[in-house]
Amino acid sequence: MSSSPSSDTSVLPVVQAQLLGPQWPTLDPFLFCAHHDDAYPAGNAAFGPAVPIDDRQIGSDFSRKDGWSMYHGDTVPGFPGHPHRGFETVTLVRKGLIDHSDSLGAAARFGGGDVQWVTAGKGIVHSEMFPLLNATAPNPLELFQIWLNLPARHKMVEPHFTMLWNEAHSAAGAPRRGGPQDHGHRGGRCAAGCARAAVTAARVLGLPARRRCGHLDPAPGTRC
């Protein structure tokens, strides 16, 4: 016997529909959302593509020729050192790898469901490169990155770097056994009171909506 749905469970109308591409439309406090889906070929000894790249605009290649781009990389695809200030980035890698290094002295190779959370605050310079480690097969990469604006009173907080390793969470947000929950950052404390938007981003990406503040030394077994 079925019952009629109550008003609080009724389906809301679709207000707007839009095709999604590499960059998604955003609303405040979200500044930017990018979806990278690159079908990289096998890699060479330098972890770059083992195919000619002379016909690409090296340094600014967003062509998606053959299903992938070099972006700002000249040997390895990705984004060499560049500055951020006044916002946070949340990066989820579904396939492939990112090599991160930054002006805080932090470095991490992550992928396969790992998540990186960076508070740029008063300023950070970092690089995000996509090493092609497999020399005998394709190196597909898929990632999402969201930029979150910080409230004015927290714009100039100390930079902060955190890893949420795949072993420590599931797609539904339940902790997994056997992995560190939150390790590997360098820098100052996170912006107290400004994490609401980042929690929203975590929920959008299906991640556990929690984060520990303060300085944490990498635990044994982490990949920093």
N, C-alpha and C. Protein backbone atom coordinates (compact mmCIF):
# COMPACT_ATOMS: atom_id res chain seq x y z
N MET A 1 0.86 -1.19 0.00
CA MET A 1 0.00 0.00 0.00
C MET A 1 0.89 1.23 0.00
N SER A 2 0.74 2.06 -1.00
CA SER A 2 1.59 3.23 -1.13
C SER A 2 0.94 4.43 -0.47
N SER A 3 1.75 5.33 -0.02
CA SER A 3 1.26 6.56 0.59
C SER A 3 1.77 7.74 -0.20
N SER A 4 1.02 8.81 -0.22
CA SER A 4 1.43 9.99 -0.97
C SER A 4 2.60 10.66 -0.28
N PRO A 5 3.56 11.17 -1.05
CA PRO A 5 4.72 11.80 -0.43
C PRO A 5 4.34 13.08 0.28
N SER A 6 4.97 13.32 1.41
CA SER A 6 4.73 14.56 2.14
C SER A 6 5.44 15.70 1.45
N SER A 7 5.13 16.91 1.86
CA SER A 7 5.68 18.10 1.19
C SER A 7 7.19 18.17 1.31
N ASP A 8 7.77 17.65 2.42
CA ASP A 8 9.20 17.77 2.61
C ASP A 8 9.98 16.69 1.86
N THR A 9 9.29 15.74 1.20
CA THR A 9 9.98 14.73 0.40
C THR A 9 9.65 14.86 -1.08
N SER A 10 8.89 15.87 -1.47
CA SER A 10 8.53 16.05 -2.87
C SER A 10 9.76 16.42 -3.69
N VAL A 11 9.76 16.05 -4.95
CA VAL A 11 10.88 16.32 -5.84
C VAL A 11 10.87 17.79 -6.24
N LEU A 12 12.02 18.43 -6.07
CA LEU A 12 12.12 19.84 -6.45
C LEU A 12 12.30 19.96 -7.96
N PRO A 13 11.79 21.01 -8.57
CA PRO A 13 11.93 21.18 -10.02
C PRO A 13 13.37 21.49 -10.40
N VAL A 14 13.77 21.10 -11.61
CA VAL A 14 15.08 21.44 -12.15
C VAL A 14 15.03 22.90 -12.60
N VAL A 15 15.85 23.73 -11.98
CA VAL A 15 15.86 25.16 -12.29
C VAL A 15 16.67 25.46 -13.53
N GLN A 16 17.80 24.76 -13.68
CA GLN A 16 18.68 25.03 -14.80
C GLN A 16 19.46 23.77 -15.13
N ALA A 17 19.68 23.52 -16.40
CA ALA A 17 20.48 22.39 -16.85
C ALA A 17 21.59 22.90 -17.76
N GLN A 18 22.74 22.30 -17.65
CA GLN A 18 23.90 22.78 -18.42
C GLN A 18 24.87 21.63 -18.65
N LEU A 19 25.41 21.56 -19.87
CA LEU A 19 26.42 20.56 -20.16
C LEU A 19 27.68 20.87 -19.38
N LEU A 20 28.31 19.85 -18.80
CA LEU A 20 29.51 20.04 -18.00
C LEU A 20 30.74 19.69 -18.83
N GLY A 21 31.76 20.53 -18.74
CA GLY A 21 33.00 20.31 -19.45
C GLY A 21 34.18 20.36 -18.50
N PRO A 22 35.35 20.77 -18.99
CA PRO A 22 36.54 20.83 -18.12
C PRO A 22 36.40 21.79 -16.95
N GLN A 23 35.64 22.89 -17.13
CA GLN A 23 35.40 23.82 -16.03
C GLN A 23 33.90 23.92 -15.79
N TRP A 24 33.51 23.81 -14.52
CA TRP A 24 32.11 23.81 -14.16
C TRP A 24 31.71 25.17 -13.59
N PRO A 25 30.48 25.60 -13.84
CA PRO A 25 30.01 26.87 -13.24
C PRO A 25 29.94 26.74 -11.73
N THR A 26 30.20 27.83 -11.03
CA THR A 26 30.22 27.81 -9.57
C THR A 26 29.45 28.99 -8.98
N LEU A 27 29.08 28.84 -7.72
CA LEU A 27 28.45 29.90 -6.95
C LEU A 27 29.28 30.14 -5.70
N ASP A 28 29.24 31.37 -5.18
CA ASP A 28 29.96 31.72 -3.97
C ASP A 28 29.58 30.75 -2.84
N PRO A 29 30.54 30.23 -2.09
CA PRO A 29 31.95 30.61 -2.01
C PRO A 29 32.88 29.82 -2.94
N PHE A 30 32.31 29.06 -3.88
CA PHE A 30 33.14 28.30 -4.81
C PHE A 30 33.63 29.21 -5.92
N LEU A 31 34.93 29.31 -6.07
CA LEU A 31 35.53 30.19 -7.08
C LEU A 31 35.74 29.49 -8.41
N PHE A 32 35.96 28.18 -8.37
CA PHE A 32 36.43 27.47 -9.56
C PHE A 32 36.25 25.98 -9.33
N CYS A 33 35.83 25.27 -10.35
CA CYS A 33 35.78 23.81 -10.29
C CYS A 33 36.23 23.26 -11.63
N ALA A 34 37.28 22.46 -11.61
CA ALA A 34 37.84 21.89 -12.84
C ALA A 34 37.75 20.37 -12.79
N HIS A 35 37.46 19.79 -13.94
CA HIS A 35 37.47 18.34 -14.10
C HIS A 35 38.48 18.01 -15.19
N HIS A 36 39.57 17.36 -14.81
CA HIS A 36 40.58 16.92 -15.77
C HIS A 36 40.36 15.44 -16.06
N ASP A 37 40.26 15.11 -17.34
CA ASP A 37 40.08 13.72 -17.76
C ASP A 37 40.96 13.50 -18.98
N ASP A 38 42.19 13.07 -18.74
CA ASP A 38 43.21 12.98 -19.80
C ASP A 38 43.61 11.53 -20.05
N ALA A 39 43.57 11.14 -21.32
CA ALA A 39 43.95 9.78 -21.72
C ALA A 39 45.43 9.78 -22.12
N TYR A 40 46.31 9.95 -21.14
CA TYR A 40 47.74 10.03 -21.43
C TYR A 40 48.27 8.70 -21.96
N PRO A 41 49.23 8.78 -22.88
CA PRO A 41 49.84 7.55 -23.41
C PRO A 41 50.87 6.98 -22.44
N ALA A 42 51.58 5.96 -22.87
CA ALA A 42 52.69 5.42 -22.08
C ALA A 42 53.73 6.50 -21.83
N GLY A 43 54.46 6.36 -20.72
CA GLY A 43 55.44 7.36 -20.34
C GLY A 43 56.85 7.01 -20.80
N ASN A 44 57.72 8.02 -20.83
CA ASN A 44 59.12 7.81 -21.16
C ASN A 44 59.98 7.83 -19.89
N ALA A 45 61.29 7.84 -20.06
CA ALA A 45 62.19 7.78 -18.89
C ALA A 45 62.09 9.01 -18.01
N ALA A 46 61.60 10.13 -18.56
CA ALA A 46 61.44 11.37 -17.79
C ALA A 46 60.03 11.52 -17.24
N PHE A 47 59.20 10.47 -17.34
CA PHE A 47 57.80 10.46 -16.87
C PHE A 47 56.92 11.39 -17.67
N GLY A 48 57.35 11.76 -18.88
CA GLY A 48 56.53 12.49 -19.81
C GLY A 48 55.95 11.54 -20.84
N PRO A 49 55.12 12.05 -21.76
CA PRO A 49 54.52 11.18 -22.78
C PRO A 49 55.57 10.65 -23.75
N ALA A 50 55.51 9.36 -24.04
CA ALA A 50 56.47 8.72 -24.94
C ALA A 50 56.01 8.83 -26.39
N VAL A 51 55.53 10.01 -26.74
CA VAL A 51 55.12 10.32 -28.12
C VAL A 51 55.60 11.73 -28.41
N PRO A 52 55.73 12.09 -29.69
CA PRO A 52 56.17 13.45 -30.01
C PRO A 52 55.19 14.50 -29.49
N ILE A 53 55.73 15.61 -28.97
CA ILE A 53 54.89 16.72 -28.50
C ILE A 53 55.28 18.04 -29.19
N ASP A 54 56.08 17.94 -30.26
CA ASP A 54 56.55 19.13 -30.95
C ASP A 54 55.42 19.94 -31.57
N ASP A 55 54.31 19.30 -31.86
CA ASP A 55 53.19 19.99 -32.51
C ASP A 55 52.25 20.63 -31.50
N ARG A 56 52.62 20.64 -30.24
CA ARG A 56 51.78 21.26 -29.21
C ARG A 56 52.36 22.60 -28.79
N GLN A 57 51.52 23.45 -28.21
CA GLN A 57 51.97 24.74 -27.71
C GLN A 57 52.52 24.53 -26.31
N ILE A 58 53.78 24.10 -26.25
CA ILE A 58 54.39 23.74 -24.98
C ILE A 58 54.46 24.96 -24.06
N GLY A 59 54.04 24.76 -22.83
CA GLY A 59 53.95 25.85 -21.87
C GLY A 59 52.53 26.32 -21.67
N SER A 60 51.66 26.04 -22.65
CA SER A 60 50.26 26.42 -22.54
C SER A 60 49.43 25.55 -23.49
N ASP A 61 49.43 24.27 -23.24
CA ASP A 61 48.75 23.31 -24.11
C ASP A 61 47.49 22.79 -23.43
N PHE A 62 46.35 23.32 -23.85
CA PHE A 62 45.04 22.87 -23.38
C PHE A 62 44.25 22.28 -24.56
N SER A 63 44.96 21.75 -25.53
CA SER A 63 44.37 21.36 -26.80
C SER A 63 43.52 20.11 -26.73
N ARG A 64 43.79 19.23 -25.77
CA ARG A 64 43.15 17.91 -25.70
C ARG A 64 43.37 17.12 -26.98
N LYS A 65 44.42 17.39 -27.70
CA LYS A 65 44.78 16.60 -28.87
C LYS A 65 45.02 15.16 -28.46
N ASP A 66 44.42 14.23 -29.17
CA ASP A 66 44.51 12.80 -28.85
C ASP A 66 43.97 12.48 -27.46
N GLY A 67 43.15 13.40 -26.91
CA GLY A 67 42.50 13.14 -25.64
C GLY A 67 43.26 13.56 -24.41
N TRP A 68 44.33 14.38 -24.59
CA TRP A 68 45.09 14.82 -23.42
C TRP A 68 45.81 16.14 -23.72
N SER A 69 46.26 16.79 -22.66
CA SER A 69 46.96 18.08 -22.76
C SER A 69 48.21 18.05 -21.90
N MET A 70 49.18 18.88 -22.28
CA MET A 70 50.38 19.06 -21.45
C MET A 70 50.16 20.14 -20.40
N TYR A 71 49.13 20.99 -20.57
CA TYR A 71 48.87 22.14 -19.72
C TYR A 71 50.11 23.04 -19.70
N HIS A 72 50.65 23.38 -18.55
CA HIS A 72 51.80 24.28 -18.52
C HIS A 72 53.13 23.52 -18.40
N GLY A 73 53.07 22.20 -18.43
CA GLY A 73 54.30 21.42 -18.35
C GLY A 73 55.04 21.39 -19.67
N ASP A 74 56.37 21.28 -19.60
CA ASP A 74 57.15 21.18 -20.84
C ASP A 74 57.70 19.78 -21.08
N THR A 75 57.89 18.98 -20.03
CA THR A 75 58.32 17.59 -20.16
C THR A 75 57.28 16.66 -19.57
N VAL A 76 56.91 16.91 -18.32
CA VAL A 76 55.85 16.18 -17.63
C VAL A 76 54.58 17.04 -17.68
N PRO A 77 53.43 16.47 -18.00
CA PRO A 77 52.20 17.27 -17.99
C PRO A 77 51.89 17.82 -16.60
N GLY A 78 51.21 18.96 -16.57
CA GLY A 78 50.77 19.49 -15.29
C GLY A 78 50.99 20.98 -15.17
N PHE A 79 51.13 21.41 -13.92
CA PHE A 79 51.18 22.83 -13.59
C PHE A 79 52.40 23.09 -12.71
N PRO A 80 53.52 23.53 -13.32
CA PRO A 80 54.71 23.86 -12.52
C PRO A 80 54.41 24.98 -11.52
N GLY A 81 55.42 25.34 -10.72
CA GLY A 81 55.23 26.28 -9.61
C GLY A 81 54.40 27.51 -9.97
N HIS A 82 53.37 27.77 -9.16
CA HIS A 82 52.49 28.92 -9.36
C HIS A 82 51.92 29.32 -8.00
N PRO A 83 51.59 30.60 -7.82
CA PRO A 83 51.14 31.08 -6.50
C PRO A 83 49.62 31.00 -6.33
N HIS A 84 49.20 30.85 -5.08
CA HIS A 84 47.80 31.00 -4.68
C HIS A 84 47.76 31.85 -3.42
N ARG A 85 46.64 32.57 -3.25
CA ARG A 85 46.50 33.41 -2.05
C ARG A 85 45.02 33.66 -1.77
N GLY A 86 44.63 33.54 -0.50
CA GLY A 86 43.30 33.97 -0.09
C GLY A 86 42.18 32.97 -0.29
N PHE A 87 42.50 31.74 -0.67
CA PHE A 87 41.45 30.73 -0.84
C PHE A 87 42.02 29.35 -0.53
N GLU A 88 41.16 28.34 -0.64
CA GLU A 88 41.56 26.96 -0.40
C GLU A 88 41.31 26.13 -1.65
N THR A 89 42.07 25.05 -1.82
CA THR A 89 41.83 24.12 -2.91
C THR A 89 41.61 22.72 -2.33
N VAL A 90 40.65 22.01 -2.90
CA VAL A 90 40.40 20.61 -2.56
C VAL A 90 40.53 19.81 -3.85
N THR A 91 41.44 18.84 -3.89
CA THR A 91 41.72 18.07 -5.10
C THR A 91 41.50 16.59 -4.84
N LEU A 92 40.63 15.99 -5.62
CA LEU A 92 40.36 14.55 -5.56
C LEU A 92 40.86 13.91 -6.84
N VAL A 93 41.75 12.93 -6.72
CA VAL A 93 42.29 12.23 -7.88
C VAL A 93 41.63 10.85 -7.95
N ARG A 94 40.88 10.62 -9.01
CA ARG A 94 40.22 9.33 -9.18
C ARG A 94 41.12 8.32 -9.90
N LYS A 95 41.86 8.79 -10.90
CA LYS A 95 42.78 7.92 -11.66
C LYS A 95 44.08 8.67 -11.89
N GLY A 96 45.18 7.95 -11.95
CA GLY A 96 46.47 8.57 -12.19
C GLY A 96 47.09 9.12 -10.92
N LEU A 97 48.12 9.95 -11.10
CA LEU A 97 48.90 10.47 -9.97
C LEU A 97 49.17 11.95 -10.13
N ILE A 98 49.31 12.63 -8.98
CA ILE A 98 49.79 14.01 -8.92
C ILE A 98 51.04 14.03 -8.05
N ASP A 99 52.08 14.70 -8.52
CA ASP A 99 53.25 15.01 -7.70
C ASP A 99 53.12 16.46 -7.24
N HIS A 100 52.96 16.65 -5.92
CA HIS A 100 52.80 17.99 -5.34
C HIS A 100 54.07 18.36 -4.58
N SER A 101 54.49 19.62 -4.73
CA SER A 101 55.52 20.19 -3.86
C SER A 101 55.20 21.66 -3.69
N ASP A 102 55.62 22.25 -2.55
CA ASP A 102 55.22 23.63 -2.30
C ASP A 102 56.26 24.38 -1.47
N SER A 103 56.00 25.67 -1.31
CA SER A 103 56.93 26.56 -0.61
C SER A 103 56.93 26.34 0.89
N LEU A 104 56.05 25.48 1.40
CA LEU A 104 56.08 25.11 2.81
C LEU A 104 57.08 23.99 3.07
N GLY A 105 57.63 23.43 1.99
CA GLY A 105 58.53 22.30 2.13
C GLY A 105 57.81 20.97 2.09
N ALA A 106 56.52 20.97 1.78
CA ALA A 106 55.75 19.74 1.72
C ALA A 106 55.83 19.13 0.33
N ALA A 107 55.77 17.81 0.27
CA ALA A 107 55.74 17.09 -1.00
C ALA A 107 54.93 15.83 -0.82
N ALA A 108 54.18 15.44 -1.84
CA ALA A 108 53.38 14.22 -1.77
C ALA A 108 53.09 13.74 -3.18
N ARG A 109 53.11 12.45 -3.36
CA ARG A 109 52.59 11.82 -4.57
C ARG A 109 51.30 11.14 -4.19
N PHE A 110 50.20 11.51 -4.85
CA PHE A 110 48.91 10.96 -4.45
C PHE A 110 48.05 10.66 -5.67
N GLY A 111 47.07 9.78 -5.48
CA GLY A 111 46.17 9.37 -6.56
C GLY A 111 45.28 8.24 -6.09
N GLY A 112 44.47 7.74 -6.99
CA GLY A 112 43.64 6.59 -6.67
C GLY A 112 42.67 6.81 -5.54
N GLY A 113 42.01 7.98 -5.51
CA GLY A 113 41.05 8.28 -4.45
C GLY A 113 41.59 9.15 -3.34
N ASP A 114 42.89 9.44 -3.34
CA ASP A 114 43.46 10.35 -2.34
C ASP A 114 42.95 11.77 -2.57
N VAL A 115 42.93 12.54 -1.50
CA VAL A 115 42.44 13.92 -1.54
C VAL A 115 43.46 14.84 -0.91
N GLN A 116 43.69 15.97 -1.53
CA GLN A 116 44.58 17.00 -0.98
C GLN A 116 43.77 18.25 -0.66
N TRP A 117 44.05 18.83 0.50
CA TRP A 117 43.36 20.05 0.94
C TRP A 117 44.44 21.08 1.27
N VAL A 118 44.47 22.16 0.54
CA VAL A 118 45.46 23.21 0.72
C VAL A 118 44.76 24.52 1.07
N THR A 119 45.14 25.12 2.18
CA THR A 119 44.72 26.48 2.51
C THR A 119 45.85 27.42 2.09
N ALA A 120 45.61 28.20 1.05
CA ALA A 120 46.66 29.11 0.56
C ALA A 120 46.88 30.26 1.54
N GLY A 121 45.79 30.77 2.14
CA GLY A 121 45.93 31.83 3.14
C GLY A 121 46.74 33.01 2.63
N LYS A 122 47.76 33.41 3.39
CA LYS A 122 48.53 34.60 3.03
C LYS A 122 49.49 34.35 1.88
N GLY A 123 49.56 33.12 1.38
CA GLY A 123 50.33 32.88 0.17
C GLY A 123 51.09 31.58 0.18
N ILE A 124 51.03 30.87 -0.93
CA ILE A 124 51.77 29.63 -1.10
C ILE A 124 52.10 29.48 -2.58
N VAL A 125 53.26 28.92 -2.87
CA VAL A 125 53.62 28.56 -4.24
C VAL A 125 53.72 27.05 -4.29
N HIS A 126 53.02 26.43 -5.22
CA HIS A 126 53.09 24.98 -5.32
C HIS A 126 53.05 24.54 -6.78
N SER A 127 53.44 23.29 -6.98
CA SER A 127 53.37 22.69 -8.31
C SER A 127 52.55 21.42 -8.24
N GLU A 128 51.86 21.13 -9.35
CA GLU A 128 51.03 19.94 -9.48
C GLU A 128 51.35 19.30 -10.83
N MET A 129 52.16 18.26 -10.80
CA MET A 129 52.58 17.60 -12.02
C MET A 129 51.98 16.20 -12.10
N PHE A 130 51.81 15.71 -13.33
CA PHE A 130 51.14 14.44 -13.57
C PHE A 130 52.12 13.43 -14.17
N PRO A 131 52.90 12.73 -13.33
CA PRO A 131 53.92 11.82 -13.85
C PRO A 131 53.29 10.60 -14.53
N LEU A 132 53.84 10.25 -15.68
CA LEU A 132 53.36 9.08 -16.43
C LEU A 132 54.31 7.92 -16.15
N LEU A 133 54.01 7.16 -15.13
CA LEU A 133 54.93 6.15 -14.63
C LEU A 133 54.92 4.86 -15.45
N ASN A 134 53.81 4.56 -16.08
CA ASN A 134 53.70 3.31 -16.82
C ASN A 134 54.32 3.47 -18.20
N ALA A 135 55.39 2.72 -18.46
CA ALA A 135 56.10 2.83 -19.73
C ALA A 135 55.58 1.88 -20.80
N THR A 136 54.68 0.99 -20.44
CA THR A 136 54.21 -0.03 -21.38
C THR A 136 52.71 0.02 -21.63
N ALA A 137 52.01 0.94 -20.99
CA ALA A 137 50.56 1.03 -21.13
C ALA A 137 50.13 2.48 -20.92
N PRO A 138 48.90 2.84 -21.31
CA PRO A 138 48.42 4.21 -21.10
C PRO A 138 48.43 4.61 -19.63
N ASN A 139 48.45 5.93 -19.40
CA ASN A 139 48.44 6.50 -18.05
C ASN A 139 47.24 7.44 -17.89
N PRO A 140 46.03 6.91 -17.81
CA PRO A 140 44.86 7.78 -17.70
C PRO A 140 44.88 8.59 -16.40
N LEU A 141 44.39 9.84 -16.48
CA LEU A 141 44.30 10.72 -15.32
C LEU A 141 42.89 11.30 -15.25
N GLU A 142 42.30 11.25 -14.07
CA GLU A 142 41.03 11.94 -13.84
C GLU A 142 41.05 12.56 -12.46
N LEU A 143 40.75 13.85 -12.39
CA LEU A 143 40.73 14.54 -11.10
C LEU A 143 39.72 15.66 -11.11
N PHE A 144 39.28 16.01 -9.92
CA PHE A 144 38.44 17.18 -9.69
C PHE A 144 39.20 18.13 -8.76
N GLN A 145 39.12 19.42 -9.04
CA GLN A 145 39.68 20.42 -8.13
C GLN A 145 38.69 21.55 -7.93
N ILE A 146 38.45 21.87 -6.66
CA ILE A 146 37.54 22.95 -6.28
C ILE A 146 38.32 24.02 -5.55
N TRP A 147 38.07 25.29 -5.91
CA TRP A 147 38.65 26.42 -5.18
C TRP A 147 37.56 27.04 -4.33
N LEU A 148 37.87 27.25 -3.04
CA LEU A 148 36.93 27.79 -2.07
C LEU A 148 37.42 29.13 -1.55
N ASN A 149 36.61 30.16 -1.70
CA ASN A 149 36.99 31.48 -1.20
C ASN A 149 37.02 31.47 0.33
N LEU A 150 37.99 32.16 0.90
CA LEU A 150 38.05 32.33 2.35
C LEU A 150 37.37 33.63 2.75
N PRO A 151 36.68 33.65 3.89
CA PRO A 151 36.11 34.90 4.38
C PRO A 151 37.20 35.96 4.56
N ALA A 152 36.83 37.21 4.45
CA ALA A 152 37.81 38.31 4.51
C ALA A 152 38.66 38.23 5.77
N ARG A 153 38.07 37.87 6.89
CA ARG A 153 38.82 37.87 8.15
C ARG A 153 39.84 36.73 8.21
N HIS A 154 39.74 35.78 7.28
CA HIS A 154 40.66 34.64 7.29
C HIS A 154 41.54 34.59 6.04
N LYS A 155 41.50 35.62 5.22
CA LYS A 155 42.26 35.62 3.97
C LYS A 155 43.75 35.40 4.20
N MET A 156 44.27 35.98 5.25
CA MET A 156 45.71 35.98 5.47
C MET A 156 46.16 35.02 6.57
N VAL A 157 45.40 33.92 6.74
CA VAL A 157 45.84 32.90 7.70
C VAL A 157 47.11 32.22 7.19
N GLU A 158 47.77 31.50 8.07
CA GLU A 158 48.96 30.76 7.67
C GLU A 158 48.60 29.67 6.66
N PRO A 159 49.43 29.45 5.66
CA PRO A 159 49.16 28.35 4.71
C PRO A 159 49.14 27.01 5.43
N HIS A 160 48.42 26.07 4.85
CA HIS A 160 48.20 24.78 5.51
C HIS A 160 48.03 23.71 4.44
N PHE A 161 48.63 22.55 4.64
CA PHE A 161 48.61 21.46 3.67
C PHE A 161 48.20 20.17 4.37
N THR A 162 47.17 19.50 3.86
CA THR A 162 46.67 18.27 4.47
C THR A 162 46.42 17.23 3.40
N MET A 163 46.73 15.96 3.70
CA MET A 163 46.36 14.84 2.85
C MET A 163 45.30 13.99 3.53
N LEU A 164 44.30 13.58 2.77
CA LEU A 164 43.31 12.60 3.21
C LEU A 164 43.52 11.38 2.32
N TRP A 165 44.23 10.40 2.84
CA TRP A 165 44.59 9.23 2.03
C TRP A 165 43.38 8.35 1.79
N ASN A 166 43.34 7.74 0.62
CA ASN A 166 42.23 6.88 0.25
C ASN A 166 42.01 5.76 1.26
N GLU A 167 43.10 5.26 1.86
CA GLU A 167 42.97 4.18 2.84
C GLU A 167 42.17 4.59 4.07
N ALA A 168 42.02 5.90 4.27
CA ALA A 168 41.38 6.38 5.49
C ALA A 168 39.92 6.76 5.30
N HIS A 169 39.42 6.66 4.07
CA HIS A 169 38.01 7.00 3.87
C HIS A 169 37.46 6.17 2.72
N SER A 170 36.15 6.04 2.70
CA SER A 170 35.46 5.38 1.59
C SER A 170 34.66 6.42 0.86
N ALA A 171 34.12 6.06 -0.29
CA ALA A 171 33.34 7.01 -1.08
C ALA A 171 32.13 7.51 -0.31
N ALA A 172 31.63 6.71 0.62
CA ALA A 172 30.47 7.11 1.41
C ALA A 172 30.85 7.91 2.63
N GLY A 173 32.15 8.07 2.88
CA GLY A 173 32.57 8.87 4.01
C GLY A 173 32.86 8.08 5.27
N ALA A 174 32.75 6.76 5.22
CA ALA A 174 33.04 5.95 6.41
C ALA A 174 34.53 5.64 6.47
N PRO A 175 35.16 5.78 7.64
CA PRO A 175 36.59 5.49 7.74
C PRO A 175 36.88 4.04 7.38
N ARG A 176 38.00 3.83 6.70
CA ARG A 176 38.46 2.48 6.41
C ARG A 176 39.50 2.06 7.43
N ARG A 177 39.61 0.79 7.66
CA ARG A 177 40.55 0.28 8.63
C ARG A 177 41.96 0.26 8.03
N GLY A 178 42.93 0.64 8.85
CA GLY A 178 44.31 0.40 8.47
C GLY A 178 45.02 1.57 7.82
N GLY A 179 44.44 2.77 7.78
CA GLY A 179 45.11 3.89 7.15
C GLY A 179 45.07 5.13 8.00
N PRO A 180 46.03 6.02 7.87
CA PRO A 180 46.02 7.27 8.62
C PRO A 180 44.88 8.16 8.15
N GLN A 181 44.22 8.82 9.07
CA GLN A 181 43.07 9.64 8.70
C GLN A 181 43.47 11.01 8.16
N ASP A 182 44.52 11.60 8.69
CA ASP A 182 44.82 12.99 8.30
C ASP A 182 46.27 13.27 8.64
N HIS A 183 47.15 13.07 7.69
CA HIS A 183 48.57 13.24 7.95
C HIS A 183 49.24 13.94 6.77
N GLY A 184 50.39 14.52 7.05
CA GLY A 184 51.27 14.93 5.98
C GLY A 184 51.27 16.39 5.64
N HIS A 185 50.65 17.26 6.45
CA HIS A 185 50.68 18.67 6.09
C HIS A 185 51.88 19.36 6.73
N ARG A 186 52.20 20.51 6.19
CA ARG A 186 53.20 21.38 6.78
C ARG A 186 52.59 22.78 6.89
N GLY A 187 53.05 23.56 7.84
CA GLY A 187 52.61 24.94 7.90
C GLY A 187 51.83 25.23 9.15
N GLY A 188 51.02 26.30 9.11
CA GLY A 188 50.34 26.77 10.30
C GLY A 188 48.99 26.12 10.49
N ARG A 189 48.18 26.76 11.30
CA ARG A 189 46.88 26.20 11.65
C ARG A 189 45.85 26.55 10.60
N CYS A 190 44.84 25.68 10.51
CA CYS A 190 43.79 25.95 9.53
C CYS A 190 42.92 27.10 10.01
N ALA A 191 42.16 27.66 9.10
CA ALA A 191 41.38 28.85 9.39
C ALA A 191 40.14 28.48 10.19
N ALA A 192 40.21 28.63 11.50
CA ALA A 192 39.09 28.27 12.37
C ALA A 192 37.87 29.07 12.00
N GLY A 193 36.73 28.40 11.88
CA GLY A 193 35.49 29.07 11.58
C GLY A 193 35.21 29.25 10.10
N CYS A 194 36.18 28.90 9.22
CA CYS A 194 35.95 29.11 7.79
C CYS A 194 35.89 27.78 7.06
N ALA A 195 35.68 26.69 7.79
CA ALA A 195 35.71 25.37 7.15
C ALA A 195 34.36 24.94 6.60
N ARG A 196 33.31 25.73 6.81
CA ARG A 196 31.99 25.29 6.38
C ARG A 196 31.94 25.01 4.88
N ALA A 197 32.50 25.93 4.09
CA ALA A 197 32.48 25.74 2.64
C ALA A 197 33.29 24.53 2.23
N ALA A 198 34.41 24.30 2.90
CA ALA A 198 35.22 23.14 2.57
C ALA A 198 34.50 21.85 2.94
N VAL A 199 33.74 21.88 4.03
CA VAL A 199 32.92 20.72 4.38
C VAL A 199 31.91 20.45 3.28
N THR A 200 31.31 21.53 2.74
CA THR A 200 30.38 21.38 1.63
C THR A 200 31.07 20.75 0.43
N ALA A 201 32.28 21.20 0.13
CA ALA A 201 33.04 20.63 -0.98
C ALA A 201 33.32 19.16 -0.74
N ALA A 202 33.65 18.81 0.49
CA ALA A 202 33.90 17.42 0.81
C ALA A 202 32.66 16.57 0.55
N ARG A 203 31.51 17.10 0.91
CA ARG A 203 30.27 16.35 0.69
C ARG A 203 29.97 16.22 -0.79
N VAL A 204 30.24 17.29 -1.57
CA VAL A 204 30.04 17.23 -3.01
C VAL A 204 30.87 16.10 -3.61
N LEU A 205 32.11 15.93 -3.13
CA LEU A 205 33.00 14.91 -3.65
C LEU A 205 32.83 13.56 -2.96
N GLY A 206 31.91 13.47 -1.98
CA GLY A 206 31.67 12.22 -1.30
C GLY A 206 32.75 11.86 -0.31
N LEU A 207 33.30 12.87 0.39
CA LEU A 207 34.40 12.66 1.32
C LEU A 207 33.95 12.87 2.75
N PRO A 208 34.70 12.34 3.71
CA PRO A 208 34.36 12.58 5.11
C PRO A 208 34.50 14.06 5.43
N ALA A 209 33.47 14.64 6.01
CA ALA A 209 33.44 16.08 6.23
C ALA A 209 34.05 16.44 7.57
N ARG A 210 35.34 16.17 7.74
CA ARG A 210 36.02 16.56 8.96
C ARG A 210 37.49 16.79 8.67
N ARG A 211 38.11 17.60 9.52
CA ARG A 211 39.52 17.93 9.37
C ARG A 211 40.09 18.32 10.72
N ARG A 212 41.31 17.92 11.01
CA ARG A 212 41.94 18.33 12.25
C ARG A 212 42.82 19.54 11.99
N CYS A 213 42.81 20.47 12.93
CA CYS A 213 43.61 21.68 12.79
C CYS A 213 44.92 21.53 13.56
N GLY A 214 45.85 22.41 13.25
CA GLY A 214 47.11 22.43 13.97
C GLY A 214 48.18 21.63 13.27
N HIS A 215 49.38 21.68 13.80
CA HIS A 215 50.52 21.04 13.16
C HIS A 215 50.51 19.54 13.43
N LEU A 216 50.68 18.76 12.38
CA LEU A 216 50.75 17.31 12.50
C LEU A 216 52.01 16.84 11.80
N ASP A 217 52.81 16.04 12.47
CA ASP A 217 53.96 15.44 11.81
C ASP A 217 53.50 14.20 11.06
N PRO A 218 54.11 13.89 9.90
CA PRO A 218 53.72 12.70 9.15
C PRO A 218 53.90 11.45 10.00
N ALA A 219 52.89 10.59 9.96
CA ALA A 219 52.98 9.33 10.69
C ALA A 219 53.70 8.29 9.86
N PRO A 220 54.29 7.29 10.51
CA PRO A 220 54.94 6.22 9.74
C PRO A 220 53.96 5.59 8.75
N GLY A 221 54.43 5.40 7.53
CA GLY A 221 53.60 4.78 6.51
C GLY A 221 52.89 5.77 5.61
N THR A 222 52.88 7.06 5.95
CA THR A 222 52.29 8.03 5.05
C THR A 222 53.23 8.28 3.90
N ARG A 223 52.67 8.85 2.79
CA ARG A 223 53.42 8.96 1.56
C ARG A 223 53.93 10.37 1.30
N CYS A 224 54.20 11.11 2.34
CA CYS A 224 54.76 12.45 2.15
C CYS A 224 56.26 12.39 2.08
